[in-house]
Amino acid sequence: MKRLFDLLLALLAASVLVFVILVVSAAVKLTSPGPIFYWSDRVGRHNSIFKMPKFRSMRIGTPAVATHLLKDPNVYLTPIGSFLRKSSLDELPQLWSILVGDMSFVGPRPALFNQDDLVALRTELGVHELLPGLTGWAQVNGRDELPIPEKVKLDAEYLQRRSLFFDIHILWLTFVKVLRRDGVSH
């Protein structure tokens, strides 16, 4: 049921947002050298690595670490990078990951390939059994501000409470947070 929901919603979102996706693609290409998409190595279900696309918001050569670990993330942002991140438009290409089955709309956010502490804690609590999500329970309860143990606690809570209705609730909360730009770093 969840996979069917993801497929139908991803197809609907892609068709509704096709113009936005084209405009953002052009803006990324016109404002900084390099590719339109950044393909990030992420940890998926069962701790397998997959390539997750995002609109490129950072300059070529930026270290592959979580943004909060960069000394001065603003130095690495493209001219429209801050806007893409604050508006969450950089996440739109992840519709592809949902369509191909690497991600779901709702689940724990996929860890970077080198976030060993996060991966270990999720594995310990069984969270690694879930498909990662475009959004999740931790995302709507603090996003970038949460320390890793708190994120994992919320991911584990999602594992226990997951249902279609809970997913719809999280999607609604995500929509509200994106509109308000709550909890977004850079």
C-alpha atoms as a PDB file:
ATOM      1  CA  MET A   1       0.000   0.000   0.000  1.00  0.00           C
ATOM      2  CA  LYS A   2       2.799   2.432   0.936  1.00  0.00           C
ATOM      3  CA  ARG A   3       4.654   1.765  -2.346  1.00  0.00           C
ATOM      4  CA  LEU A   4       1.503   2.393  -4.392  1.00  0.00           C
ATOM      5  CA  PHE A   5       0.867   5.604  -2.427  1.00  0.00           C
ATOM      6  CA  ASP A   6       4.475   6.712  -3.084  1.00  0.00           C
ATOM      7  CA  LEU A   7       4.255   5.955  -6.805  1.00  0.00           C
ATOM      8  CA  LEU A   8       0.953   7.739  -7.333  1.00  0.00           C
ATOM      9  CA  LEU A   9       1.965  10.769  -5.272  1.00  0.00           C
ATOM     10  CA  ALA A  10       5.391  11.000  -6.994  1.00  0.00           C
ATOM     11  CA  LEU A  11       3.796  10.877 -10.446  1.00  0.00           C
ATOM     12  CA  LEU A  12       1.238  13.496  -9.441  1.00  0.00           C
ATOM     13  CA  ALA A  13       3.907  15.746  -7.861  1.00  0.00           C
ATOM     14  CA  ALA A  14       6.228  15.411 -10.873  1.00  0.00           C
ATOM     15  CA  SER A  15       3.445  16.324 -13.287  1.00  0.00           C
ATOM     16  CA  VAL A  16       2.292  19.309 -11.199  1.00  0.00           C
ATOM     17  CA  LEU A  17       5.857  20.525 -10.563  1.00  0.00           C
ATOM     18  CA  VAL A  18       7.341  19.928 -14.026  1.00  0.00           C
ATOM     19  CA  PHE A  19       7.480  23.664 -14.795  1.00  0.00           C
ATOM     20  CA  VAL A  20       9.145  24.431 -11.435  1.00  0.00           C
ATOM     21  CA  ILE A  21      11.661  21.621 -12.031  1.00  0.00           C
ATOM     22  CA  LEU A  22      12.517  23.038 -15.466  1.00  0.00           C
ATOM     23  CA  VAL A  23      12.897  26.594 -14.131  1.00  0.00           C
ATOM     24  CA  VAL A  24      15.107  25.482 -11.229  1.00  0.00           C
ATOM     25  CA  SER A  25      17.200  23.344 -13.619  1.00  0.00           C
ATOM     26  CA  ALA A  26      17.789  26.360 -15.847  1.00  0.00           C
ATOM     27  CA  ALA A  27      18.569  28.621 -12.870  1.00  0.00           C
ATOM     28  CA  VAL A  28      21.162  26.180 -11.492  1.00  0.00           C
ATOM     29  CA  LYS A  29      22.817  25.853 -14.897  1.00  0.00           C
ATOM     30  CA  LEU A  30      22.854  29.608 -15.558  1.00  0.00           C
ATOM     31  CA  THR A  31      24.158  30.700 -12.139  1.00  0.00           C
ATOM     32  CA  SER A  32      27.143  28.394 -11.583  1.00  0.00           C
ATOM     33  CA  PRO A  33      29.436  26.128 -13.564  1.00  0.00           C
ATOM     34  CA  GLY A  34      28.902  22.394 -13.242  1.00  0.00           C
ATOM     35  CA  PRO A  35      26.062  19.913 -13.492  1.00  0.00           C
ATOM     36  CA  ILE A  36      22.465  20.667 -12.564  1.00  0.00           C
ATOM     37  CA  PHE A  37      22.206  17.711 -10.194  1.00  0.00           C
ATOM     38  CA  TYR A  38      24.417  16.592  -7.363  1.00  0.00           C
ATOM     39  CA  TRP A  39      24.282  12.823  -6.907  1.00  0.00           C
ATOM     40  CA  SER A  40      25.015  12.097  -3.268  1.00  0.00           C
ATOM     41  CA  ASP A  41      26.005   8.659  -1.948  1.00  0.00           C
ATOM     42  CA  ARG A  42      23.397   7.892   0.709  1.00  0.00           C
ATOM     43  CA  VAL A  43      22.566   5.011   3.011  1.00  0.00           C
ATOM     44  CA  GLY A  44      19.320   3.310   2.084  1.00  0.00           C
ATOM     45  CA  ARG A  45      17.278   0.390   3.306  1.00  0.00           C
ATOM     46  CA  HIS A  46      19.365  -2.391   4.890  1.00  0.00           C
ATOM     47  CA  ASN A  47      22.315   0.072   4.906  1.00  0.00           C
ATOM     48  CA  SER A  48      22.833  -0.272   1.157  1.00  0.00           C
ATOM     49  CA  ILE A  49      24.337   2.706  -0.669  1.00  0.00           C
ATOM     50  CA  PHE A  50      22.341   4.458  -3.387  1.00  0.00           C
ATOM     51  CA  LYS A  51      22.776   7.659  -5.389  1.00  0.00           C
ATOM     52  CA  MET A  52      20.342  10.385  -4.337  1.00  0.00           C
ATOM     53  CA  PRO A  53      19.877  13.397  -6.628  1.00  0.00           C
ATOM     54  CA  LYS A  54      19.464  16.975  -5.480  1.00  0.00           C
ATOM     55  CA  PHE A  55      19.581  20.228  -7.350  1.00  0.00           C
ATOM     56  CA  ARG A  56      23.154  21.406  -6.897  1.00  0.00           C
ATOM     57  CA  SER A  57      23.246  24.180  -4.298  1.00  0.00           C
ATOM     58  CA  MET A  58      26.963  23.976  -3.478  1.00  0.00           C
ATOM     59  CA  ARG A  59      29.966  24.774  -5.603  1.00  0.00           C
ATOM     60  CA  ILE A  60      31.981  22.037  -7.301  1.00  0.00           C
ATOM     61  CA  GLY A  61      34.647  20.715  -4.928  1.00  0.00           C
ATOM     62  CA  THR A  62      32.662  21.135  -1.703  1.00  0.00           C
ATOM     63  CA  PRO A  63      33.652  18.412   0.807  1.00  0.00           C
ATOM     64  CA  ALA A  64      31.149  15.516   0.982  1.00  0.00           C
ATOM     65  CA  VAL A  65      30.136  16.043   4.605  1.00  0.00           C
ATOM     66  CA  ALA A  66      26.967  17.165   6.365  1.00  0.00           C
ATOM     67  CA  THR A  67      26.526  20.925   5.904  1.00  0.00           C
ATOM     68  CA  HIS A  68      26.724  21.606   9.646  1.00  0.00           C
ATOM     69  CA  LEU A  69      30.256  20.133   9.662  1.00  0.00           C
ATOM     70  CA  LEU A  70      31.575  22.703   7.179  1.00  0.00           C
ATOM     71  CA  LYS A  71      33.486  25.555   8.855  1.00  0.00           C
ATOM     72  CA  ASP A  72      31.637  28.193   6.817  1.00  0.00           C
ATOM     73  CA  PRO A  73      28.947  26.652   4.591  1.00  0.00           C
ATOM     74  CA  ASN A  74      28.142  30.021   2.997  1.00  0.00           C
ATOM     75  CA  VAL A  75      31.526  29.982   1.244  1.00  0.00           C
ATOM     76  CA  TYR A  76      30.429  26.879  -0.686  1.00  0.00           C
ATOM     77  CA  LEU A  77      26.917  27.962  -1.691  1.00  0.00           C
ATOM     78  CA  THR A  78      26.138  28.752  -5.318  1.00  0.00           C
ATOM     79  CA  PRO A  79      24.462  32.128  -6.010  1.00  0.00           C
ATOM     80  CA  ILE A  80      21.014  30.499  -5.686  1.00  0.00           C
ATOM     81  CA  GLY A  81      22.053  27.739  -3.252  1.00  0.00           C
ATOM     82  CA  SER A  82      20.725  29.414  -0.135  1.00  0.00           C
ATOM     83  CA  PHE A  83      17.334  30.004  -1.772  1.00  0.00           C
ATOM     84  CA  LEU A  84      17.158  26.405  -3.024  1.00  0.00           C
ATOM     85  CA  ARG A  85      17.878  25.056   0.449  1.00  0.00           C
ATOM     86  CA  LYS A  86      15.592  27.406   2.367  1.00  0.00           C
ATOM     87  CA  SER A  87      12.724  26.711  -0.029  1.00  0.00           C
ATOM     88  CA  SER A  88      13.551  22.954  -0.120  1.00  0.00           C
ATOM     89  CA  LEU A  89      13.483  23.136  -3.928  1.00  0.00           C
ATOM     90  CA  ASP A  90      16.865  21.382  -3.943  1.00  0.00           C
ATOM     91  CA  GLU A  91      15.001  18.246  -2.808  1.00  0.00           C
ATOM     92  CA  LEU A  92      12.673  17.996  -5.839  1.00  0.00           C
ATOM     93  CA  PRO A  93      14.918  15.579  -7.813  1.00  0.00           C
ATOM     94  CA  GLN A  94      14.385  13.049  -5.035  1.00  0.00           C
ATOM     95  CA  LEU A  95      11.050  12.324  -6.695  1.00  0.00           C
ATOM     96  CA  TRP A  96      13.224  10.196  -8.994  1.00  0.00           C
ATOM     97  CA  SER A  97      14.514   8.206  -6.010  1.00  0.00           C
ATOM     98  CA  ILE A  98      10.921   7.620  -4.913  1.00  0.00           C
ATOM     99  CA  LEU A  99       9.859   6.494  -8.396  1.00  0.00           C
ATOM    100  CA  VAL A 100      12.722   3.964  -8.668  1.00  0.00           C
ATOM    101  CA  GLY A 101      12.109   2.643  -5.146  1.00  0.00           C
ATOM    102  CA  ASP A 102      15.262   3.869  -3.377  1.00  0.00           C
ATOM    103  CA  MET A 103      13.198   6.188  -1.187  1.00  0.00           C
ATOM    104  CA  SER A 104       9.696   6.767   0.117  1.00  0.00           C
ATOM    105  CA  PHE A 105       7.914  10.046   0.739  1.00  0.00           C
ATOM    106  CA  VAL A 106       8.074   9.403   4.484  1.00  0.00           C
ATOM    107  CA  GLY A 107      10.838   7.659   6.393  1.00  0.00           C
ATOM    108  CA  PRO A 108      14.108   8.544   8.076  1.00  0.00           C
ATOM    109  CA  ARG A 109      16.173  10.986   5.993  1.00  0.00           C
ATOM    110  CA  PRO A 110      18.909   9.050   4.183  1.00  0.00           C
ATOM    111  CA  ALA A 111      22.256   9.352   5.953  1.00  0.00           C
ATOM    112  CA  LEU A 112      25.372  10.373   4.092  1.00  0.00           C
ATOM    113  CA  PHE A 113      27.637   7.416   3.294  1.00  0.00           C
ATOM    114  CA  ASN A 114      30.152   8.654   5.904  1.00  0.00           C
ATOM    115  CA  GLN A 115      27.769   9.283   8.829  1.00  0.00           C
ATOM    116  CA  ASP A 116      28.852   6.127  10.639  1.00  0.00           C
ATOM    117  CA  ASP A 117      27.495   7.250  14.022  1.00  0.00           C
ATOM    118  CA  LEU A 118      24.008   7.859  12.627  1.00  0.00           C
ATOM    119  CA  VAL A 119      24.011   4.586  10.662  1.00  0.00           C
ATOM    120  CA  ALA A 120      25.188   2.587  13.705  1.00  0.00           C
ATOM    121  CA  LEU A 121      22.476   4.002  15.985  1.00  0.00           C
ATOM    122  CA  ARG A 122      19.761   3.421  13.375  1.00  0.00           C
ATOM    123  CA  THR A 123      20.945  -0.154  12.846  1.00  0.00           C
ATOM    124  CA  GLU A 124      20.927  -0.779  16.598  1.00  0.00           C
ATOM    125  CA  LEU A 125      17.256   0.245  16.778  1.00  0.00           C
ATOM    126  CA  GLY A 126      16.127  -1.473  13.557  1.00  0.00           C
ATOM    127  CA  VAL A 127      15.516   1.791  11.690  1.00  0.00           C
ATOM    128  CA  HIS A 128      17.797   0.583   8.860  1.00  0.00           C
ATOM    129  CA  GLU A 129      14.949  -1.746   7.798  1.00  0.00           C
ATOM    130  CA  LEU A 130      12.947   1.255   6.543  1.00  0.00           C
ATOM    131  CA  LEU A 131      13.199   2.961   3.183  1.00  0.00           C
ATOM    132  CA  PRO A 132      14.601   6.444   3.727  1.00  0.00           C
ATOM    133  CA  GLY A 133      12.211   9.306   3.143  1.00  0.00           C
ATOM    134  CA  LEU A 134      11.985  12.678   1.485  1.00  0.00           C
ATOM    135  CA  THR A 135      10.665  13.765   4.858  1.00  0.00           C
ATOM    136  CA  GLY A 136      10.205  12.061   8.187  1.00  0.00           C
ATOM    137  CA  TRP A 137       9.138  12.314  11.790  1.00  0.00           C
ATOM    138  CA  ALA A 138      12.543  13.717  12.796  1.00  0.00           C
ATOM    139  CA  GLN A 139      12.335  16.257   9.961  1.00  0.00           C
ATOM    140  CA  VAL A 140       9.102  17.751  11.249  1.00  0.00           C
ATOM    141  CA  ASN A 141      10.370  17.725  14.831  1.00  0.00           C
ATOM    142  CA  GLY A 142      13.555  19.716  14.410  1.00  0.00           C
ATOM    143  CA  ARG A 143      15.234  18.893  11.100  1.00  0.00           C
ATOM    144  CA  ASP A 144      18.832  20.178  11.040  1.00  0.00           C
ATOM    145  CA  GLU A 145      18.889  21.371  14.644  1.00  0.00           C
ATOM    146  CA  LEU A 146      18.471  17.924  16.205  1.00  0.00           C
ATOM    147  CA  PRO A 147      21.463  16.061  17.602  1.00  0.00           C
ATOM    148  CA  ILE A 148      21.932  12.588  16.098  1.00  0.00           C
ATOM    149  CA  PRO A 149      20.670  10.611  19.151  1.00  0.00           C
ATOM    150  CA  GLU A 150      17.438  12.645  19.133  1.00  0.00           C
ATOM    151  CA  LYS A 151      16.974  12.126  15.366  1.00  0.00           C
ATOM    152  CA  VAL A 152      17.402   8.380  15.798  1.00  0.00           C
ATOM    153  CA  LYS A 153      14.960   8.326  18.724  1.00  0.00           C
ATOM    154  CA  LEU A 154      12.352   9.999  16.494  1.00  0.00           C
ATOM    155  CA  ASP A 155      13.184   7.630  13.604  1.00  0.00           C
ATOM    156  CA  ALA A 156      12.620   4.680  15.952  1.00  0.00           C
ATOM    157  CA  GLU A 157       9.322   6.209  17.072  1.00  0.00           C
ATOM    158  CA  TYR A 158       8.300   6.429  13.409  1.00  0.00           C
ATOM    159  CA  LEU A 159       9.223   2.758  12.962  1.00  0.00           C
ATOM    160  CA  GLN A 160       6.790   1.855  15.750  1.00  0.00           C
ATOM    161  CA  ARG A 161       3.970   4.233  14.734  1.00  0.00           C
ATOM    162  CA  ARG A 162       4.128   4.033  10.923  1.00  0.00           C
ATOM    163  CA  SER A 163       0.870   3.890   9.045  1.00  0.00           C
ATOM    164  CA  LEU A 164      -0.652   5.557   6.013  1.00  0.00           C
ATOM    165  CA  PHE A 165      -2.460   8.055   8.233  1.00  0.00           C
ATOM    166  CA  PHE A 166       0.731   8.873  10.160  1.00  0.00           C
ATOM    167  CA  ASP A 167       2.549   9.373   6.823  1.00  0.00           C
ATOM    168  CA  ILE A 168      -0.174  11.757   5.638  1.00  0.00           C
ATOM    169  CA  HIS A 169       0.095  13.648   8.935  1.00  0.00           C
ATOM    170  CA  ILE A 170       3.897  13.954   8.494  1.00  0.00           C
ATOM    171  CA  LEU A 171       3.469  15.103   4.876  1.00  0.00           C
ATOM    172  CA  TRP A 172       1.054  17.812   6.027  1.00  0.00           C
ATOM    173  CA  LEU A 173       3.441  18.960   8.783  1.00  0.00           C
ATOM    174  CA  THR A 174       6.262  19.001   6.224  1.00  0.00           C
ATOM    175  CA  PHE A 175       4.221  21.171   3.870  1.00  0.00           C
ATOM    176  CA  VAL A 176       3.575  23.660   6.687  1.00  0.00           C
ATOM    177  CA  LYS A 177       7.262  23.677   7.760  1.00  0.00           C
ATOM    178  CA  VAL A 178       8.484  24.202   4.194  1.00  0.00           C
ATOM    179  CA  LEU A 179       6.108  27.137   3.764  1.00  0.00           C
ATOM    180  CA  ARG A 180       7.379  28.644   7.017  1.00  0.00           C
ATOM    181  CA  ARG A 181      11.003  27.619   6.266  1.00  0.00           C
ATOM    182  CA  ASP A 182      11.254  26.182   9.790  1.00  0.00           C
ATOM    183  CA  GLY A 183      14.403  24.346  10.805  1.00  0.00           C
ATOM    184  CA  VAL A 184      16.360  24.907   7.597  1.00  0.00           C
ATOM    185  CA  SER A 185      20.085  25.521   7.819  1.00  0.00           C
ATOM    186  CA  HIS A 186      21.612  27.699   5.106  1.00  0.00           C
END
